[in-house]
Amino acid sequence: MQPLSRLRTAMAKSEIGALLVSDIVNVGWLTGFTGTYGRAVITQDQAVFITDGRYTLQAGEEVTNMPCVSFSSPVDGDEFLAQKV
């Protein structure tokens, strides 16, 4: 079973509606991303990978199981999430 499917199964069992994965080791396991900054927002129906502009190309190549979006300065990751959620 793929990591995203495993995570969604665990989320369903624990009745978790949405999850922000921010630890880079866990992000790498979930997405295949090898950079140093990335986050994933996961629900049962949707998933999105978020990174900063330094990793836009790398994320597009490495993260194949969910859409990728990136942000750039002066916005930081927390501000970007707050604007999109």
PDB file of N, CA and C in Angstrom:
ATOM      1  N   MET A   1       0.852  -1.174   0.000  1.00  0.00           N
ATOM      2  CA  MET A   1       0.000   0.000   0.000  1.00  0.00           C
ATOM      3  C   MET A   1       0.903   1.246   0.000  1.00  0.00           C
ATOM      4  N   GLN A   2       0.552   2.222  -0.797  1.00  0.00           N
ATOM      5  CA  GLN A   2       1.304   3.466  -0.912  1.00  0.00           C
ATOM      6  C   GLN A   2       1.171   4.296   0.373  1.00  0.00           C
ATOM      7  N   PRO A   3       2.170   5.116   0.687  1.00  0.00           N
ATOM      8  CA  PRO A   3       2.120   5.920   1.908  1.00  0.00           C
ATOM      9  C   PRO A   3       0.861   6.784   2.046  1.00  0.00           C
ATOM     10  N   LEU A   4       0.429   7.415   0.967  1.00  0.00           N
ATOM     11  CA  LEU A   4      -0.758   8.264   1.051  1.00  0.00           C
ATOM     12  C   LEU A   4      -1.985   7.435   1.404  1.00  0.00           C
ATOM     13  N   SER A   5      -2.125   6.270   0.822  1.00  0.00           N
ATOM     14  CA  SER A   5      -3.248   5.387   1.144  1.00  0.00           C
ATOM     15  C   SER A   5      -3.172   4.913   2.590  1.00  0.00           C
ATOM     16  N   ARG A   6      -1.977   4.575   3.039  1.00  0.00           N
ATOM     17  CA  ARG A   6      -1.793   4.142   4.429  1.00  0.00           C
ATOM     18  C   ARG A   6      -2.175   5.255   5.393  1.00  0.00           C
ATOM     19  N   LEU A   7      -1.751   6.478   5.078  1.00  0.00           N
ATOM     20  CA  LEU A   7      -2.078   7.611   5.932  1.00  0.00           C
ATOM     21  C   LEU A   7      -3.580   7.841   5.967  1.00  0.00           C
ATOM     22  N   ARG A   8      -4.219   7.799   4.833  1.00  0.00           N
ATOM     23  CA  ARG A   8      -5.669   8.031   4.791  1.00  0.00           C
ATOM     24  C   ARG A   8      -6.426   6.949   5.550  1.00  0.00           C
ATOM     25  N   THR A   9      -5.965   5.723   5.484  1.00  0.00           N
ATOM     26  CA  THR A   9      -6.593   4.647   6.239  1.00  0.00           C
ATOM     27  C   THR A   9      -6.476   4.914   7.735  1.00  0.00           C
ATOM     28  N   ALA A  10      -5.297   5.305   8.183  1.00  0.00           N
ATOM     29  CA  ALA A  10      -5.091   5.628   9.602  1.00  0.00           C
ATOM     30  C   ALA A  10      -5.929   6.835  10.020  1.00  0.00           C
ATOM     31  N   MET A  11      -6.022   7.825   9.149  1.00  0.00           N
ATOM     32  CA  MET A  11      -6.833   9.001   9.451  1.00  0.00           C
ATOM     33  C   MET A  11      -8.304   8.617   9.616  1.00  0.00           C
ATOM     34  N   ALA A  12      -8.797   7.762   8.731  1.00  0.00           N
ATOM     35  CA  ALA A  12     -10.195   7.335   8.798  1.00  0.00           C
ATOM     36  C   ALA A  12     -10.463   6.564  10.094  1.00  0.00           C
ATOM     37  N   LYS A  13      -9.555   5.665  10.458  1.00  0.00           N
ATOM     38  CA  LYS A  13      -9.722   4.882  11.689  1.00  0.00           C
ATOM     39  C   LYS A  13      -9.742   5.785  12.916  1.00  0.00           C
ATOM     40  N   SER A  14      -8.975   6.858  12.891  1.00  0.00           N
ATOM     41  CA  SER A  14      -8.896   7.780  14.021  1.00  0.00           C
ATOM     42  C   SER A  14      -9.860   8.953  13.896  1.00  0.00           C
ATOM     43  N   GLU A  15     -10.676   8.940  12.847  1.00  0.00           N
ATOM     44  CA  GLU A  15     -11.652   9.997  12.578  1.00  0.00           C
ATOM     45  C   GLU A  15     -11.007  11.376  12.491  1.00  0.00           C
ATOM     46  N   ILE A  16      -9.886  11.436  11.782  1.00  0.00           N
ATOM     47  CA  ILE A  16      -9.182  12.691  11.531  1.00  0.00           C
ATOM     48  C   ILE A  16      -9.589  13.184  10.157  1.00  0.00           C
ATOM     49  N   GLY A  17     -10.163  14.360  10.093  1.00  0.00           N
ATOM     50  CA  GLY A  17     -10.682  14.885   8.835  1.00  0.00           C
ATOM     51  C   GLY A  17      -9.630  15.492   7.927  1.00  0.00           C
ATOM     52  N   ALA A  18      -8.624  16.098   8.534  1.00  0.00           N
ATOM     53  CA  ALA A  18      -7.563  16.743   7.762  1.00  0.00           C
ATOM     54  C   ALA A  18      -6.281  16.698   8.579  1.00  0.00           C
ATOM     55  N   LEU A  19      -5.166  16.666   7.866  1.00  0.00           N
ATOM     56  CA  LEU A  19      -3.873  16.574   8.534  1.00  0.00           C
ATOM     57  C   LEU A  19      -2.850  17.427   7.804  1.00  0.00           C
ATOM     58  N   LEU A  20      -2.077  18.187   8.562  1.00  0.00           N
ATOM     59  CA  LEU A  20      -0.945  18.931   8.028  1.00  0.00           C
ATOM     60  C   LEU A  20       0.312  18.165   8.399  1.00  0.00           C
ATOM     61  N   VAL A  21       1.041  17.706   7.399  1.00  0.00           N
ATOM     62  CA  VAL A  21       2.292  16.987   7.620  1.00  0.00           C
ATOM     63  C   VAL A  21       3.413  17.992   7.402  1.00  0.00           C
ATOM     64  N   SER A  22       4.160  18.302   8.468  1.00  0.00           N
ATOM     65  CA  SER A  22       5.171  19.346   8.364  1.00  0.00           C
ATOM     66  C   SER A  22       6.587  18.859   8.681  1.00  0.00           C
ATOM     67  N   ASP A  23       6.733  17.763   9.393  1.00  0.00           N
ATOM     68  CA  ASP A  23       8.071  17.233   9.656  1.00  0.00           C
ATOM     69  C   ASP A  23       8.655  16.736   8.339  1.00  0.00           C
ATOM     70  N   ILE A  24       9.822  17.233   7.966  1.00  0.00           N
ATOM     71  CA  ILE A  24      10.368  16.965   6.633  1.00  0.00           C
ATOM     72  C   ILE A  24      10.637  15.481   6.398  1.00  0.00           C
ATOM     73  N   VAL A  25      10.946  14.725   7.442  1.00  0.00           N
ATOM     74  CA  VAL A  25      11.139  13.277   7.284  1.00  0.00           C
ATOM     75  C   VAL A  25       9.816  12.627   6.899  1.00  0.00           C
ATOM     76  N   ASN A  26       8.737  13.010   7.574  1.00  0.00           N
ATOM     77  CA  ASN A  26       7.425  12.467   7.255  1.00  0.00           C
ATOM     78  C   ASN A  26       6.938  12.929   5.886  1.00  0.00           C
ATOM     79  N   VAL A  27       7.238  14.176   5.547  1.00  0.00           N
ATOM     80  CA  VAL A  27       6.885  14.697   4.228  1.00  0.00           C
ATOM     81  C   VAL A  27       7.589  13.873   3.145  1.00  0.00           C
ATOM     82  N   GLY A  28       8.860  13.580   3.356  1.00  0.00           N
ATOM     83  CA  GLY A  28       9.603  12.765   2.401  1.00  0.00           C
ATOM     84  C   GLY A  28       9.017  11.380   2.244  1.00  0.00           C
ATOM     85  N   TRP A  29       8.665  10.735   3.351  1.00  0.00           N
ATOM     86  CA  TRP A  29       8.048   9.402   3.299  1.00  0.00           C
ATOM     87  C   TRP A  29       6.743   9.444   2.520  1.00  0.00           C
ATOM     88  N   LEU A  30       5.948  10.475   2.767  1.00  0.00           N
ATOM     89  CA  LEU A  30       4.625  10.582   2.166  1.00  0.00           C
ATOM     90  C   LEU A  30       4.678  10.933   0.686  1.00  0.00           C
ATOM     91  N   THR A  31       5.634  11.791   0.290  1.00  0.00           N
ATOM     92  CA  THR A  31       5.614  12.365  -1.054  1.00  0.00           C
ATOM     93  C   THR A  31       6.784  11.974  -1.948  1.00  0.00           C
ATOM     94  N   GLY A  32       7.895  11.554  -1.350  1.00  0.00           N
ATOM     95  CA  GLY A  32       9.101  11.295  -2.128  1.00  0.00           C
ATOM     96  C   GLY A  32       9.991  12.519  -2.280  1.00  0.00           C
ATOM     97  N   PHE A  33       9.606  13.642  -1.702  1.00  0.00           N
ATOM     98  CA  PHE A  33      10.353  14.889  -1.805  1.00  0.00           C
ATOM     99  C   PHE A  33      11.635  14.806  -0.982  1.00  0.00           C
ATOM    100  N   THR A  34      12.762  15.288  -1.557  1.00  0.00           N
ATOM    101  CA  THR A  34      14.047  15.209  -0.863  1.00  0.00           C
ATOM    102  C   THR A  34      14.609  16.575  -0.472  1.00  0.00           C
ATOM    103  N   GLY A  35      13.863  17.638  -0.694  1.00  0.00           N
ATOM    104  CA  GLY A  35      14.326  18.969  -0.313  1.00  0.00           C
ATOM    105  C   GLY A  35      14.222  19.189   1.186  1.00  0.00           C
ATOM    106  N   THR A  36      14.519  20.408   1.614  1.00  0.00           N
ATOM    107  CA  THR A  36      14.533  20.700   3.041  1.00  0.00           C
ATOM    108  C   THR A  36      13.303  21.445   3.543  1.00  0.00           C
ATOM    109  N   TYR A  37      12.406  21.872   2.656  1.00  0.00           N
ATOM    110  CA  TYR A  37      11.178  22.517   3.101  1.00  0.00           C
ATOM    111  C   TYR A  37      10.006  22.037   2.262  1.00  0.00           C
ATOM    112  N   GLY A  38       9.041  21.459   2.926  1.00  0.00           N
ATOM    113  CA  GLY A  38       7.815  21.050   2.266  1.00  0.00           C
ATOM    114  C   GLY A  38       6.783  20.680   3.305  1.00  0.00           C
ATOM    115  N   ARG A  39       5.535  20.840   2.940  1.00  0.00           N
ATOM    116  CA  ARG A  39       4.419  20.451   3.791  1.00  0.00           C
ATOM    117  C   ARG A  39       3.367  19.800   2.910  1.00  0.00           C
ATOM    118  N   ALA A  40       2.576  18.951   3.528  1.00  0.00           N
ATOM    119  CA  ALA A  40       1.479  18.323   2.799  1.00  0.00           C
ATOM    120  C   ALA A  40       0.206  18.479   3.619  1.00  0.00           C
ATOM    121  N   VAL A  41      -0.857  18.857   2.946  1.00  0.00           N
ATOM    122  CA  VAL A  41      -2.173  18.934   3.566  1.00  0.00           C
ATOM    123  C   VAL A  41      -2.995  17.797   2.980  1.00  0.00           C
ATOM    124  N   ILE A  42      -3.494  16.932   3.856  1.00  0.00           N
ATOM    125  CA  ILE A  42      -4.163  15.704   3.428  1.00  0.00           C
ATOM    126  C   ILE A  42      -5.573  15.642   4.001  1.00  0.00           C
ATOM    127  N   THR A  43      -6.536  15.315   3.145  1.00  0.00           N
ATOM    128  CA  THR A  43      -7.884  14.941   3.570  1.00  0.00           C
ATOM    129  C   THR A  43      -8.196  13.612   2.901  1.00  0.00           C
ATOM    130  N   GLN A  44      -9.381  13.088   3.135  1.00  0.00           N
ATOM    131  CA  GLN A  44      -9.753  11.828   2.487  1.00  0.00           C
ATOM    132  C   GLN A  44      -9.909  11.991   0.977  1.00  0.00           C
ATOM    133  N   ASP A  45     -10.258  13.185   0.533  1.00  0.00           N
ATOM    134  CA  ASP A  45     -10.534  13.404  -0.885  1.00  0.00           C
ATOM    135  C   ASP A  45      -9.469  14.203  -1.621  1.00  0.00           C
ATOM    136  N   GLN A  46      -8.642  14.943  -0.893  1.00  0.00           N
ATOM    137  CA  GLN A  46      -7.674  15.815  -1.537  1.00  0.00           C
ATOM    138  C   GLN A  46      -6.333  15.762  -0.825  1.00  0.00           C
ATOM    139  N   ALA A  47      -5.315  16.136  -1.561  1.00  0.00           N
ATOM    140  CA  ALA A  47      -3.976  16.268  -0.994  1.00  0.00           C
ATOM    141  C   ALA A  47      -3.249  17.327  -1.812  1.00  0.00           C
ATOM    142  N   VAL A  48      -2.408  18.091  -1.142  1.00  0.00           N
ATOM    143  CA  VAL A  48      -1.608  19.092  -1.840  1.00  0.00           C
ATOM    144  C   VAL A  48      -0.253  19.198  -1.145  1.00  0.00           C
ATOM    145  N   PHE A  49       0.781  19.338  -1.952  1.00  0.00           N
ATOM    146  CA  PHE A  49       2.131  19.529  -1.452  1.00  0.00           C
ATOM    147  C   PHE A  49       2.474  21.001  -1.603  1.00  0.00           C
ATOM    148  N   ILE A  50       3.059  21.581  -0.556  1.00  0.00           N
ATOM    149  CA  ILE A  50       3.392  23.002  -0.539  1.00  0.00           C
ATOM    150  C   ILE A  50       4.879  23.152  -0.256  1.00  0.00           C
ATOM    151  N   THR A  51       5.541  23.971  -1.053  1.00  0.00           N
ATOM    152  CA  THR A  51       6.953  24.253  -0.825  1.00  0.00           C
ATOM    153  C   THR A  51       7.255  25.686  -1.212  1.00  0.00           C
ATOM    154  N   ASP A  52       8.460  26.120  -0.896  1.00  0.00           N
ATOM    155  CA  ASP A  52       8.809  27.480  -1.294  1.00  0.00           C
ATOM    156  C   ASP A  52       9.408  27.479  -2.702  1.00  0.00           C
ATOM    157  N   GLY A  53       9.538  28.663  -3.260  1.00  0.00           N
ATOM    158  CA  GLY A  53       9.933  28.818  -4.657  1.00  0.00           C
ATOM    159  C   GLY A  53      11.261  28.189  -5.024  1.00  0.00           C
ATOM    160  N   ARG A  54      12.143  27.960  -4.057  1.00  0.00           N
ATOM    161  CA  ARG A  54      13.437  27.325  -4.357  1.00  0.00           C
ATOM    162  C   ARG A  54      13.266  25.905  -4.880  1.00  0.00           C
ATOM    163  N   TYR A  55      12.164  25.265  -4.511  1.00  0.00           N
ATOM    164  CA  TYR A  55      11.978  23.849  -4.801  1.00  0.00           C
ATOM    165  C   TYR A  55      10.868  23.568  -5.813  1.00  0.00           C
ATOM    166  N   THR A  56      10.397  24.566  -6.514  1.00  0.00           N
ATOM    167  CA  THR A  56       9.284  24.370  -7.439  1.00  0.00           C
ATOM    168  C   THR A  56       9.576  23.281  -8.466  1.00  0.00           C
ATOM    169  N   LEU A  57      10.714  23.359  -9.133  1.00  0.00           N
ATOM    170  CA  LEU A  57      11.056  22.355 -10.147  1.00  0.00           C
ATOM    171  C   LEU A  57      11.291  20.990  -9.525  1.00  0.00           C
ATOM    172  N   GLN A  58      12.028  20.947  -8.432  1.00  0.00           N
ATOM    173  CA  GLN A  58      12.322  19.679  -7.763  1.00  0.00           C
ATOM    174  C   GLN A  58      11.032  19.003  -7.302  1.00  0.00           C
ATOM    175  N   ALA A  59      10.128  19.762  -6.715  1.00  0.00           N
ATOM    176  CA  ALA A  59       8.864  19.192  -6.259  1.00  0.00           C
ATOM    177  C   ALA A  59       8.067  18.632  -7.427  1.00  0.00           C
ATOM    178  N   GLY A  60       8.059  19.345  -8.540  1.00  0.00           N
ATOM    179  CA  GLY A  60       7.346  18.863  -9.717  1.00  0.00           C
ATOM    180  C   GLY A  60       7.875  17.544 -10.231  1.00  0.00           C
ATOM    181  N   GLU A  61       9.157  17.306 -10.057  1.00  0.00           N
ATOM    182  CA  GLU A  61       9.765  16.053 -10.498  1.00  0.00           C
ATOM    183  C   GLU A  61       9.597  14.931  -9.478  1.00  0.00           C
ATOM    184  N   GLU A  62       9.702  15.250  -8.203  1.00  0.00           N
ATOM    185  CA  GLU A  62       9.719  14.213  -7.168  1.00  0.00           C
ATOM    186  C   GLU A  62       8.344  13.859  -6.604  1.00  0.00           C
ATOM    187  N   VAL A  63       7.470  14.813  -6.512  1.00  0.00           N
ATOM    188  CA  VAL A  63       6.156  14.585  -5.899  1.00  0.00           C
ATOM    189  C   VAL A  63       5.167  14.255  -7.009  1.00  0.00           C
ATOM    190  N   THR A  64       4.845  12.994  -7.121  1.00  0.00           N
ATOM    191  CA  THR A  64       3.983  12.556  -8.221  1.00  0.00           C
ATOM    192  C   THR A  64       2.598  12.116  -7.759  1.00  0.00           C
ATOM    193  N   ASN A  65       2.361  12.078  -6.444  1.00  0.00           N
ATOM    194  CA  ASN A  65       1.090  11.561  -5.950  1.00  0.00           C
ATOM    195  C   ASN A  65       0.103  12.636  -5.510  1.00  0.00           C
ATOM    196  N   MET A  66       0.468  13.918  -5.720  1.00  0.00           N
ATOM    197  CA  MET A  66      -0.449  15.002  -5.377  1.00  0.00           C
ATOM    198  C   MET A  66      -0.001  16.277  -6.091  1.00  0.00           C
ATOM    199  N   PRO A  67      -0.905  17.227  -6.274  1.00  0.00           N
ATOM    200  CA  PRO A  67      -0.516  18.495  -6.888  1.00  0.00           C
ATOM    201  C   PRO A  67       0.474  19.249  -6.004  1.00  0.00           C
ATOM    202  N   CYS A  68       1.318  20.034  -6.633  1.00  0.00           N
ATOM    203  CA  CYS A  68       2.315  20.842  -5.924  1.00  0.00           C
ATOM    204  C   CYS A  68       2.030  22.316  -6.141  1.00  0.00           C
ATOM    205  N   VAL A  69       2.144  23.088  -5.086  1.00  0.00           N
ATOM    206  CA  VAL A  69       2.060  24.536  -5.170  1.00  0.00           C
ATOM    207  C   VAL A  69       3.250  25.118  -4.427  1.00  0.00           C
ATOM    208  N   SER A  70       3.659  26.310  -4.828  1.00  0.00           N
ATOM    209  CA  SER A  70       4.785  26.948  -4.151  1.00  0.00           C
ATOM    210  C   SER A  70       4.461  28.406  -3.881  1.00  0.00           C
ATOM    211  N   PHE A  71       5.174  28.954  -2.945  1.00  0.00           N
ATOM    212  CA  PHE A  71       5.023  30.345  -2.583  1.00  0.00           C
ATOM    213  C   PHE A  71       6.402  30.989  -2.622  1.00  0.00           C
ATOM    214  N   SER A  72       6.435  32.304  -2.619  1.00  0.00           N
ATOM    215  CA  SER A  72       7.721  32.996  -2.612  1.00  0.00           C
ATOM    216  C   SER A  72       7.644  34.220  -1.709  1.00  0.00           C
ATOM    217  N   SER A  73       8.795  34.717  -1.334  1.00  0.00           N
ATOM    218  CA  SER A  73       8.935  35.863  -0.463  1.00  0.00           C
ATOM    219  C   SER A  73       8.181  37.049  -1.063  1.00  0.00           C
ATOM    220  N   PRO A  74       7.548  37.845  -0.274  1.00  0.00           N
ATOM    221  CA  PRO A  74       7.665  37.990   1.165  1.00  0.00           C
ATOM    222  C   PRO A  74       6.747  37.078   1.977  1.00  0.00           C
ATOM    223  N   VAL A  75       5.953  36.247   1.348  1.00  0.00           N
ATOM    224  CA  VAL A  75       5.059  35.331   2.058  1.00  0.00           C
ATOM    225  C   VAL A  75       5.879  34.133   2.548  1.00  0.00           C
ATOM    226  N   ASP A  76       5.629  33.704   3.791  1.00  0.00           N
ATOM    227  CA  ASP A  76       6.280  32.492   4.268  1.00  0.00           C
ATOM    228  C   ASP A  76       5.251  31.354   4.294  1.00  0.00           C
ATOM    229  N   GLY A  77       5.696  30.182   4.652  1.00  0.00           N
ATOM    230  CA  GLY A  77       4.835  29.002   4.605  1.00  0.00           C
ATOM    231  C   GLY A  77       3.593  29.108   5.457  1.00  0.00           C
ATOM    232  N   ASP A  78       3.731  29.637   6.671  1.00  0.00           N
ATOM    233  CA  ASP A  78       2.577  29.772   7.551  1.00  0.00           C
ATOM    234  C   ASP A  78       1.560  30.765   6.994  1.00  0.00           C
ATOM    235  N   GLU A  79       2.060  31.878   6.454  1.00  0.00           N
ATOM    236  CA  GLU A  79       1.158  32.863   5.852  1.00  0.00           C
ATOM    237  C   GLU A  79       0.450  32.279   4.630  1.00  0.00           C
ATOM    238  N   PHE A  80       1.187  31.530   3.821  1.00  0.00           N
ATOM    239  CA  PHE A  80       0.607  30.921   2.630  1.00  0.00           C
ATOM    240  C   PHE A  80      -0.506  29.953   3.015  1.00  0.00           C
ATOM    241  N   LEU A  81      -0.241  29.116   4.006  1.00  0.00           N
ATOM    242  CA  LEU A  81      -1.283  28.179   4.475  1.00  0.00           C
ATOM    243  C   LEU A  81      -2.501  28.919   4.992  1.00  0.00           C
ATOM    244  N   ALA A  82      -2.280  29.951   5.762  1.00  0.00           N
ATOM    245  CA  ALA A  82      -3.389  30.717   6.325  1.00  0.00           C
ATOM    246  C   ALA A  82      -4.241  31.356   5.229  1.00  0.00           C
ATOM    247  N   GLN A  83      -3.608  31.789   4.149  1.00  0.00           N
ATOM    248  CA  GLN A  83      -4.348  32.399   3.051  1.00  0.00           C
ATOM    249  C   GLN A  83      -5.156  31.373   2.259  1.00  0.00           C
ATOM    250  N   LYS A  84      -4.660  30.151   2.183  1.00  0.00           N
ATOM    251  CA  LYS A  84      -5.289  29.134   1.339  1.00  0.00           C
ATOM    252  C   LYS A  84      -6.299  28.266   2.055  1.00  0.00           C
ATOM    253  N   VAL A  85      -6.222  28.206   3.374  1.00  0.00           N
ATOM    254  CA  VAL A  85      -7.101  27.301   4.122  1.00  0.00           C
ATOM    255  C   VAL A  85      -8.325  28.031   4.597  1.00  0.00           C
TER     256      VAL A  85
END
